[in-house]
Protein backbone atom coordinates (compact mmCIF):
# COMPACT_ATOMS: atom_id res chain seq x y z
CA MET A 1 -124.19 -49.26 -110.18
CA ASP A 2 -123.40 -50.34 -113.73
CA VAL A 3 -121.38 -53.53 -113.21
CA GLY A 4 -120.57 -53.57 -116.91
CA LYS A 5 -118.61 -50.30 -116.60
CA GLU A 6 -117.81 -49.56 -112.95
CA LYS A 7 -115.32 -51.23 -110.63
CA LEU A 8 -116.85 -53.36 -107.89
CA PRO A 9 -116.63 -51.71 -104.44
CA PHE A 10 -114.34 -54.41 -103.01
CA GLU A 11 -110.59 -54.74 -102.57
CA SER A 12 -108.72 -57.10 -104.88
CA ASP A 13 -108.52 -60.71 -103.65
CA SER A 14 -111.10 -60.05 -100.90
CA VAL A 15 -114.16 -62.14 -101.78
CA ASP A 16 -114.56 -65.87 -101.09
CA ILE A 17 -117.61 -66.59 -103.23
CA VAL A 18 -119.37 -64.81 -106.08
CA PHE A 19 -122.82 -66.04 -107.13
CA SER A 20 -124.45 -64.77 -110.30
CA TYR A 21 -127.93 -66.09 -111.08
CA HIS A 22 -129.53 -65.04 -114.37
CA THR A 23 -127.76 -61.68 -114.50
CA LEU A 24 -124.80 -61.93 -116.88
CA GLU A 25 -127.03 -62.11 -119.95
CA HIS A 26 -128.40 -58.65 -119.06
CA ILE A 27 -125.02 -56.89 -118.79
CA ASP A 28 -123.71 -55.19 -121.94
CA GLY A 29 -120.19 -54.98 -120.54
CA TYR A 30 -120.14 -58.60 -119.39
CA LEU A 31 -116.40 -59.02 -120.11
CA PHE A 32 -115.59 -56.05 -117.87
CA CYS A 33 -117.87 -57.51 -115.21
CA LEU A 34 -116.13 -60.90 -115.43
CA ALA A 35 -112.74 -59.21 -115.12
CA GLU A 36 -113.92 -57.39 -112.00
CA ILE A 37 -115.21 -60.62 -110.48
CA TYR A 38 -111.82 -62.20 -111.15
CA ARG A 39 -110.10 -59.18 -109.56
CA VAL A 40 -112.07 -59.31 -106.30
CA LEU A 41 -112.18 -63.10 -105.98
CA LYS A 42 -109.69 -64.58 -103.53
CA HIS A 43 -107.15 -67.18 -104.62
CA LYS A 44 -109.09 -70.46 -104.71
CA GLY A 45 -112.34 -68.50 -104.40
CA LEU A 46 -115.47 -69.83 -106.08
CA PHE A 47 -117.51 -68.23 -108.84
CA PHE A 48 -120.95 -69.75 -109.42
CA ILE A 49 -122.69 -68.56 -112.55
CA SER A 50 -125.97 -69.53 -114.14
CA THR A 51 -127.66 -68.13 -117.22
CA LYS A 52 -131.23 -68.83 -118.14
CA GLY A 53 -131.65 -70.90 -121.27
CA ARG A 54 -128.69 -69.54 -123.19
CA ASN A 55 -125.01 -68.82 -123.09
CA PRO A 56 -124.65 -65.02 -123.38
CA VAL A 57 -120.92 -65.14 -124.04
CA ARG A 58 -121.28 -67.43 -127.05
CA GLU A 59 -124.41 -65.65 -128.23
CA ARG A 60 -122.77 -62.24 -128.15
CA GLN A 61 -119.79 -63.64 -130.04
CA GLY A 62 -122.14 -64.88 -132.76
CA ASP A 63 -121.55 -68.56 -132.01
CA PRO A 64 -124.48 -70.45 -133.59
CA SER A 65 -123.77 -73.56 -131.52
CA TYR A 66 -125.01 -72.14 -128.23
CA GLY A 67 -127.95 -74.08 -126.91
CA GLY A 68 -130.91 -73.61 -124.65
CA GLN A 69 -129.28 -75.22 -121.64
CA LEU A 70 -128.96 -73.91 -118.12
CA GLU A 71 -125.29 -73.64 -117.22
CA LEU A 72 -123.54 -73.68 -113.89
CA ARG A 73 -119.79 -73.19 -114.01
CA VAL A 74 -117.43 -73.58 -111.12
CA PRO A 75 -113.76 -72.84 -111.70
CA SER A 76 -111.12 -75.26 -110.57
CA PRO A 77 -109.52 -74.43 -107.20
CA MET A 78 -106.30 -73.66 -109.06
CA SER A 79 -107.87 -71.08 -111.41
CA LYS A 80 -105.97 -68.07 -110.03
CA GLU A 81 -102.42 -69.42 -109.97
């Protein structure tokens, strides 16, 4: 499955937790993938994401300020209102 191009095989608002560990930086269609994660994630669901040593979103947007940090982002419980 190409998660950068294909819809995830889950109903909308059906997943409690999504965990992505060192994968997003390898997906060309990362914005599509993020939109799909948002689609399947339940209201007040959690999305844990970590990228190894860089921020692929900033890097792909040409942001020179991205650093070599490991990031873990957890959305607020109100993120899907």
